[in-house]
Amino acid sequence: MRPLALGLLAVVLAASGVLAMRHAGVLRAEVERLEETQADFALERTAAEAAVWAERIRLALERAREAPFTEAAPYLELILEDGRLVLGRGEARLREVAVEVELAPGIRAIERIEPEAIVLADGLTLRRARADSLPATPVQGEIPVLRADFEALRAVLRVGDLAYVH
């Protein structure tokens, strides 16, 4: 009986080994599937975080564009695509001047106000035109402004007021 019991034991052990190997294969496949799911989730999470940051930046820019219209302080607004310089206070547009300028968008503070120039923090200068007409070739970094328009700007603006360029 011993050989028969040993034979049965060997068959049972072999069957158990085969079942264990199959189970190990199933577990390996499940681990691979979970790792792929985890990688996909990490990519989705990164994309979602990037989308959240992009939305925050968009909202900050939108708030910055609306800021001059909600505050009582005077401001300058350079609208690049239309070539307009606007002097405003709140929602009121006090003066609008046609200008030619190539400039990076952003917000700049007025650094100095002089008798002939209004200088922004990045060095851009609004320069009072010497005659009643604008110069044919403006100087780099300067925006020529007719005398009457310049005097109107100078009378309202103060150092620290903002210029919104968009």
Protein backbone atom coordinates (compact mmCIF):
# COMPACT_ATOMS: atom_id res chain seq x y z
CA MET A 1 0.00 0.00 0.00
CA ARG A 2 2.82 2.25 0.48
CA PRO A 3 3.77 2.45 -3.19
CA LEU A 4 0.14 3.22 -4.09
CA ALA A 5 -0.06 5.95 -1.42
CA LEU A 6 3.23 7.40 -2.58
CA GLY A 7 2.02 7.36 -6.17
CA LEU A 8 -1.22 9.08 -5.21
CA LEU A 9 0.73 11.59 -3.16
CA ALA A 10 2.99 12.25 -6.16
CA VAL A 11 -0.04 12.74 -8.45
CA VAL A 12 -1.67 15.10 -5.92
CA LEU A 13 1.58 17.07 -5.51
CA ALA A 14 2.05 17.29 -9.29
CA ALA A 15 -1.53 18.48 -9.73
CA SER A 16 -1.06 21.01 -6.94
CA GLY A 17 2.13 22.26 -8.58
CA VAL A 18 0.36 22.67 -11.93
CA LEU A 19 -2.50 24.52 -10.24
CA ALA A 20 -0.03 26.72 -8.33
CA MET A 21 1.83 27.55 -11.56
CA ARG A 22 -1.44 28.42 -13.32
CA HIS A 23 -2.47 30.56 -10.37
CA ALA A 24 0.95 32.27 -10.40
CA GLY A 25 0.47 33.01 -14.13
CA VAL A 26 -2.97 34.48 -13.47
CA LEU A 27 -1.52 36.59 -10.63
CA ARG A 28 1.35 37.81 -12.87
CA ALA A 29 -1.15 38.85 -15.56
CA GLU A 30 -3.24 40.66 -12.94
CA VAL A 31 -0.14 42.48 -11.61
CA GLU A 32 0.75 43.58 -15.18
CA ARG A 33 -2.81 44.78 -15.76
CA LEU A 34 -2.74 46.73 -12.48
CA GLU A 35 0.63 48.28 -13.35
CA GLU A 36 -0.72 49.41 -16.74
CA THR A 37 -3.81 50.84 -15.06
CA GLN A 38 -1.60 52.64 -12.54
CA ALA A 39 0.53 54.11 -15.34
CA ASP A 40 -2.60 55.23 -17.21
CA PHE A 41 -3.97 56.78 -14.03
CA ALA A 42 -0.67 58.63 -13.44
CA LEU A 43 -0.80 60.04 -16.99
CA GLU A 44 -4.42 61.10 -16.56
CA ARG A 45 -3.59 62.71 -13.23
CA THR A 46 -0.67 64.63 -14.74
CA ALA A 47 -2.88 65.79 -17.61
CA ALA A 48 -5.58 66.87 -15.17
CA GLU A 49 -3.06 68.80 -13.04
CA ALA A 50 -1.73 70.53 -16.16
CA ALA A 51 -5.29 71.44 -17.17
CA VAL A 52 -5.94 72.89 -13.70
CA TRP A 53 -2.78 75.04 -13.90
CA ALA A 54 -3.67 76.20 -17.41
CA GLU A 55 -7.13 77.21 -16.18
CA ARG A 56 -5.62 79.07 -13.21
CA ILE A 57 -3.31 80.98 -15.56
CA ARG A 58 -6.21 81.76 -17.91
CA LEU A 59 -8.29 83.08 -15.00
CA ALA A 60 -5.37 85.17 -13.70
CA LEU A 61 -4.91 86.73 -17.14
CA GLU A 62 -8.63 87.37 -17.40
CA ARG A 63 -8.63 89.05 -13.97
CA ALA A 64 -5.63 91.15 -15.00
CA ARG A 65 -7.47 92.28 -18.15
CA GLU A 66 -10.53 93.22 -16.12
CA ALA A 67 -8.56 94.88 -13.30
CA PRO A 68 -8.41 98.35 -14.82
CA PHE A 69 -12.17 98.40 -15.24
CA THR A 70 -12.89 97.53 -11.61
CA GLU A 71 -10.47 99.92 -9.90
CA ALA A 72 -10.84 103.66 -9.47
CA ALA A 73 -7.18 104.49 -10.22
CA PRO A 74 -6.33 105.81 -13.67
CA TYR A 75 -4.57 103.40 -16.01
CA LEU A 76 -3.10 103.10 -19.47
CA GLU A 77 -4.18 100.33 -21.78
CA LEU A 78 -2.14 99.52 -24.90
CA ILE A 79 -4.23 97.43 -27.27
CA LEU A 80 -1.59 96.09 -29.64
CA GLU A 81 -3.81 94.55 -32.33
CA ASP A 82 -5.77 97.79 -32.80
CA GLY A 83 -2.83 100.17 -32.30
CA ARG A 84 -4.60 102.13 -29.59
CA LEU A 85 -3.45 103.70 -26.35
CA VAL A 86 -6.33 104.25 -23.95
CA LEU A 87 -6.32 106.39 -20.82
CA GLY A 88 -9.06 105.18 -18.52
CA ARG A 89 -10.44 105.26 -15.02
CA GLY A 90 -12.69 102.36 -14.06
CA GLU A 91 -14.92 101.64 -17.03
CA ALA A 92 -14.62 105.19 -18.37
CA ARG A 93 -12.32 105.82 -21.32
CA LEU A 94 -10.95 109.31 -20.80
CA ARG A 95 -8.80 109.49 -23.93
CA GLU A 96 -7.94 107.26 -26.85
CA VAL A 97 -4.84 107.73 -29.02
CA ALA A 98 -3.68 105.85 -32.13
CA VAL A 99 -0.12 104.51 -31.72
CA GLU A 100 2.29 102.24 -33.52
CA VAL A 101 4.19 99.93 -31.20
CA GLU A 102 5.50 96.38 -31.05
CA LEU A 103 5.64 95.26 -27.47
CA ALA A 104 5.31 92.11 -25.39
CA PRO A 105 1.99 91.79 -23.52
CA GLY A 106 2.02 92.29 -19.77
CA ILE A 107 1.43 94.75 -16.96
CA ARG A 108 3.90 97.56 -16.33
CA ALA A 109 3.96 100.32 -13.73
CA ILE A 110 4.62 103.95 -14.52
CA GLU A 111 8.11 104.64 -13.19
CA ARG A 112 8.60 108.35 -13.92
CA ILE A 113 6.58 111.26 -15.25
CA GLU A 114 8.67 114.04 -16.76
CA PRO A 115 7.72 117.19 -18.69
CA GLU A 116 8.46 115.49 -22.03
CA ALA A 117 8.08 111.77 -21.20
CA ILE A 118 6.16 109.14 -19.27
CA VAL A 119 8.49 106.22 -18.55
CA LEU A 120 7.22 102.71 -17.83
CA ALA A 121 9.07 100.20 -15.63
CA ASP A 122 10.49 98.27 -18.60
CA GLY A 123 11.93 101.45 -20.14
CA LEU A 124 9.18 102.00 -22.70
CA THR A 125 8.65 105.75 -22.97
CA LEU A 126 5.64 107.76 -24.08
CA ARG A 127 7.35 110.81 -25.60
CA ARG A 128 5.65 114.15 -26.25
CA ALA A 129 5.93 115.01 -29.94
CA ARG A 130 7.94 118.17 -30.58
CA ALA A 131 5.57 119.42 -33.30
CA ASP A 132 1.85 119.10 -33.89
CA SER A 133 2.48 115.97 -35.94
CA LEU A 134 4.10 112.66 -35.11
CA PRO A 135 7.65 111.91 -36.32
CA ALA A 136 7.92 109.83 -39.49
CA THR A 137 10.28 107.33 -37.84
CA PRO A 138 9.74 106.83 -34.10
CA VAL A 139 12.75 106.01 -31.90
CA GLN A 140 13.03 102.39 -30.69
CA GLY A 141 11.41 101.98 -27.26
CA GLU A 142 9.42 105.20 -27.55
CA ILE A 143 5.82 105.90 -28.44
CA PRO A 144 5.39 109.44 -29.78
CA VAL A 145 2.20 111.12 -28.58
CA LEU A 146 0.74 114.41 -29.83
CA ARG A 147 1.15 117.35 -27.44
CA ALA A 148 -2.51 117.65 -26.46
CA ASP A 149 -2.83 113.91 -25.87
CA PHE A 150 0.42 113.80 -23.92
CA GLU A 151 -0.64 116.68 -21.67
CA ALA A 152 -3.97 114.93 -20.99
CA LEU A 153 -2.12 111.74 -20.02
CA ARG A 154 0.38 113.61 -17.87
CA ALA A 155 -2.37 115.51 -16.03
CA VAL A 156 -4.16 112.33 -14.94
CA LEU A 157 -1.47 109.66 -14.46
CA ARG A 158 0.75 109.28 -11.39
CA VAL A 159 3.90 107.26 -10.68
CA GLY A 160 2.83 103.71 -9.81
CA ASP A 161 -0.27 103.69 -12.01
CA LEU A 162 -0.41 100.67 -14.28
CA ALA A 163 -0.15 100.17 -18.02
CA TYR A 164 -1.87 97.05 -19.34
CA VAL A 165 -0.46 95.81 -22.64
CA HIS A 166 -2.47 93.20 -24.53
